[in-house]
Amino acid sequence: MAAQAILLNKERADLDAKSHAVHKQLLVDSLDMLIPIGILGIVNLNNGIVGIAGAITSLLGAHDIASRIRP
């Protein structure tokens, strides 16, 4: 029984990690879509909003790369 509980906890942790990664990627992709939409004028967005969206996606990407480098 204890072995099954440990296995279930590990599977739950793996699913939580995958879910977090998918949600983070969805956020990045959504913010990245604001950039061409704003530049093309499809939606009236302030240049500051477009810049902030680009900065956030860059920081999130840099964080992903840095987390892979660290042991």
N, C-alpha and C. Protein backbone atom coordinates (compact mmCIF):
# COMPACT_ATOMS: atom_id res chain seq x y z
N MET A 1 0.81 -1.20 0.00
CA MET A 1 0.00 0.00 0.00
C MET A 1 0.86 1.26 0.00
N ALA A 2 1.93 1.25 0.81
CA ALA A 2 2.79 2.44 0.88
C ALA A 2 3.49 2.68 -0.45
N ALA A 3 3.86 1.59 -1.12
CA ALA A 3 4.54 1.72 -2.42
C ALA A 3 3.59 2.32 -3.45
N GLN A 4 2.32 1.92 -3.39
CA GLN A 4 1.34 2.48 -4.32
C GLN A 4 1.12 3.97 -4.06
N ALA A 5 1.10 4.35 -2.79
CA ALA A 5 0.91 5.76 -2.45
C ALA A 5 2.09 6.59 -2.94
N ILE A 6 3.30 6.06 -2.80
CA ILE A 6 4.49 6.77 -3.27
C ILE A 6 4.44 6.92 -4.79
N LEU A 7 4.03 5.84 -5.47
CA LEU A 7 3.94 5.88 -6.93
C LEU A 7 2.87 6.88 -7.38
N LEU A 8 1.74 6.90 -6.70
CA LEU A 8 0.69 7.85 -7.04
C LEU A 8 1.13 9.29 -6.79
N ASN A 9 1.86 9.53 -5.72
CA ASN A 9 2.37 10.87 -5.44
C ASN A 9 3.36 11.32 -6.51
N LYS A 10 4.20 10.37 -6.97
CA LYS A 10 5.17 10.71 -8.01
C LYS A 10 4.45 11.03 -9.32
N GLU A 11 3.44 10.22 -9.67
CA GLU A 11 2.69 10.47 -10.89
C GLU A 11 1.96 11.81 -10.81
N ARG A 12 1.43 12.10 -9.63
CA ARG A 12 0.72 13.38 -9.43
C ARG A 12 1.69 14.55 -9.61
N ALA A 13 2.90 14.41 -9.05
CA ALA A 13 3.90 15.47 -9.19
C ALA A 13 4.31 15.65 -10.65
N ASP A 14 4.44 14.53 -11.38
CA ASP A 14 4.78 14.62 -12.81
C ASP A 14 3.68 15.32 -13.59
N LEU A 15 2.43 14.98 -13.31
CA LEU A 15 1.31 15.63 -13.99
C LEU A 15 1.23 17.11 -13.66
N ASP A 16 1.48 17.45 -12.40
CA ASP A 16 1.47 18.86 -12.01
C ASP A 16 2.56 19.64 -12.73
N ALA A 17 3.75 19.04 -12.86
CA ALA A 17 4.85 19.72 -13.55
C ALA A 17 4.53 19.91 -15.03
N LYS A 18 3.95 18.89 -15.65
CA LYS A 18 3.58 19.01 -17.06
C LYS A 18 2.47 20.04 -17.26
N SER A 19 1.51 20.06 -16.35
CA SER A 19 0.43 21.03 -16.43
C SER A 19 0.96 22.45 -16.29
N HIS A 20 1.90 22.65 -15.38
CA HIS A 20 2.50 23.97 -15.19
C HIS A 20 3.23 24.40 -16.47
N ALA A 21 3.96 23.48 -17.08
CA ALA A 21 4.71 23.81 -18.30
C ALA A 21 3.76 24.18 -19.44
N VAL A 22 2.64 23.46 -19.56
CA VAL A 22 1.68 23.75 -20.62
C VAL A 22 1.03 25.11 -20.39
N HIS A 23 0.67 25.41 -19.16
CA HIS A 23 0.05 26.71 -18.87
C HIS A 23 1.03 27.86 -19.12
N LYS A 24 2.28 27.66 -18.77
CA LYS A 24 3.29 28.69 -18.99
C LYS A 24 3.49 28.92 -20.49
N GLN A 25 3.55 27.84 -21.27
CA GLN A 25 3.72 27.98 -22.71
C GLN A 25 2.51 28.65 -23.35
N LEU A 26 1.32 28.36 -22.85
CA LEU A 26 0.11 29.01 -23.35
C LEU A 26 0.16 30.51 -23.09
N LEU A 27 0.64 30.91 -21.92
CA LEU A 27 0.78 32.33 -21.60
C LEU A 27 1.77 33.00 -22.54
N VAL A 28 2.92 32.36 -22.75
CA VAL A 28 3.94 32.93 -23.63
C VAL A 28 3.41 33.06 -25.06
N ASP A 29 2.75 32.02 -25.55
CA ASP A 29 2.21 32.07 -26.92
C ASP A 29 1.13 33.14 -27.06
N SER A 30 0.30 33.27 -26.04
CA SER A 30 -0.75 34.30 -26.08
C SER A 30 -0.15 35.69 -26.11
N LEU A 31 0.86 35.92 -25.29
CA LEU A 31 1.51 37.23 -25.29
C LEU A 31 2.24 37.48 -26.60
N ASP A 32 2.85 36.43 -27.17
CA ASP A 32 3.53 36.58 -28.46
C ASP A 32 2.56 36.93 -29.58
N MET A 33 1.33 36.47 -29.47
CA MET A 33 0.33 36.80 -30.50
C MET A 33 -0.06 38.27 -30.46
N LEU A 34 0.09 38.91 -29.30
CA LEU A 34 -0.24 40.34 -29.21
C LEU A 34 0.69 41.20 -30.06
N ILE A 35 1.91 40.76 -30.24
CA ILE A 35 2.90 41.57 -30.95
C ILE A 35 2.50 41.78 -32.41
N PRO A 36 2.31 40.72 -33.22
CA PRO A 36 1.91 40.99 -34.61
C PRO A 36 0.50 41.57 -34.73
N ILE A 37 -0.39 41.18 -33.82
CA ILE A 37 -1.75 41.73 -33.87
C ILE A 37 -1.72 43.24 -33.65
N GLY A 38 -0.89 43.68 -32.69
CA GLY A 38 -0.79 45.11 -32.43
C GLY A 38 -0.08 45.86 -33.53
N ILE A 39 0.98 45.27 -34.07
CA ILE A 39 1.74 45.95 -35.12
C ILE A 39 0.92 46.06 -36.41
N LEU A 40 0.17 45.01 -36.74
CA LEU A 40 -0.65 45.04 -37.96
C LEU A 40 -1.90 45.89 -37.81
N GLY A 41 -2.22 46.27 -36.60
CA GLY A 41 -3.38 47.12 -36.38
C GLY A 41 -4.70 46.36 -36.36
N ILE A 42 -4.64 45.05 -36.23
CA ILE A 42 -5.88 44.26 -36.15
C ILE A 42 -6.64 44.64 -34.90
N VAL A 43 -5.92 44.81 -33.82
CA VAL A 43 -6.48 45.30 -32.57
C VAL A 43 -5.69 46.54 -32.20
N ASN A 44 -6.37 47.57 -31.77
CA ASN A 44 -5.71 48.82 -31.42
C ASN A 44 -5.02 48.68 -30.07
N LEU A 45 -3.72 48.40 -30.11
CA LEU A 45 -2.93 48.26 -28.89
C LEU A 45 -1.87 49.36 -28.85
N ASN A 46 -1.65 49.88 -27.69
CA ASN A 46 -0.60 50.86 -27.46
C ASN A 46 0.76 50.18 -27.68
N ASN A 47 1.73 50.92 -28.20
CA ASN A 47 3.06 50.35 -28.41
C ASN A 47 3.68 49.90 -27.09
N GLY A 48 3.31 50.53 -26.00
CA GLY A 48 3.82 50.12 -24.70
C GLY A 48 3.33 48.75 -24.31
N ILE A 49 2.09 48.44 -24.61
CA ILE A 49 1.52 47.12 -24.33
C ILE A 49 2.25 46.06 -25.14
N VAL A 50 2.49 46.35 -26.39
CA VAL A 50 3.21 45.41 -27.26
C VAL A 50 4.63 45.20 -26.72
N GLY A 51 5.27 46.27 -26.30
CA GLY A 51 6.63 46.17 -25.74
C GLY A 51 6.67 45.38 -24.45
N ILE A 52 5.69 45.60 -23.58
CA ILE A 52 5.63 44.86 -22.32
C ILE A 52 5.40 43.37 -22.59
N ALA A 53 4.53 43.06 -23.54
CA ALA A 53 4.28 41.66 -23.89
C ALA A 53 5.56 41.00 -24.39
N GLY A 54 6.32 41.69 -25.21
CA GLY A 54 7.59 41.15 -25.70
C GLY A 54 8.60 40.98 -24.58
N ALA A 55 8.65 41.94 -23.67
CA ALA A 55 9.59 41.85 -22.55
C ALA A 55 9.25 40.67 -21.64
N ILE A 56 7.97 40.48 -21.37
CA ILE A 56 7.56 39.36 -20.50
C ILE A 56 7.91 38.02 -21.14
N THR A 57 7.63 37.87 -22.43
CA THR A 57 7.94 36.60 -23.08
C THR A 57 9.45 36.37 -23.13
N SER A 58 10.23 37.43 -23.30
CA SER A 58 11.68 37.29 -23.29
C SER A 58 12.18 36.86 -21.92
N LEU A 59 11.64 37.46 -20.86
CA LEU A 59 12.05 37.09 -19.51
C LEU A 59 11.66 35.65 -19.18
N LEU A 60 10.47 35.24 -19.58
CA LEU A 60 10.05 33.86 -19.32
C LEU A 60 10.93 32.87 -20.10
N GLY A 61 11.28 33.21 -21.32
CA GLY A 61 12.18 32.36 -22.10
C GLY A 61 13.57 32.28 -21.49
N ALA A 62 14.07 33.41 -21.02
CA ALA A 62 15.38 33.42 -20.37
C ALA A 62 15.36 32.60 -19.08
N HIS A 63 14.25 32.67 -18.36
CA HIS A 63 14.12 31.88 -17.13
C HIS A 63 14.13 30.39 -17.43
N ASP A 64 13.47 29.97 -18.50
CA ASP A 64 13.48 28.57 -18.91
C ASP A 64 14.88 28.10 -19.24
N ILE A 65 15.61 28.92 -19.99
CA ILE A 65 16.98 28.55 -20.35
C ILE A 65 17.87 28.48 -19.13
N ALA A 66 17.75 29.45 -18.24
CA ALA A 66 18.57 29.47 -17.04
C ALA A 66 18.26 28.28 -16.13
N SER A 67 17.00 27.87 -16.08
CA SER A 67 16.65 26.74 -15.22
C SER A 67 17.19 25.43 -15.77
N ARG A 68 17.41 25.34 -17.06
CA ARG A 68 18.01 24.13 -17.65
C ARG A 68 19.51 24.08 -17.42
N ILE A 69 20.14 25.23 -17.29
CA ILE A 69 21.59 25.30 -17.10
C ILE A 69 21.96 24.93 -15.67
N ARG A 70 21.18 25.41 -14.71
CA ARG A 70 21.48 25.14 -13.30
C ARG A 70 21.37 23.66 -12.98
N PRO A 71 22.28 23.17 -12.15
CA PRO A 71 22.23 21.73 -11.80
C PRO A 71 21.07 21.40 -10.89
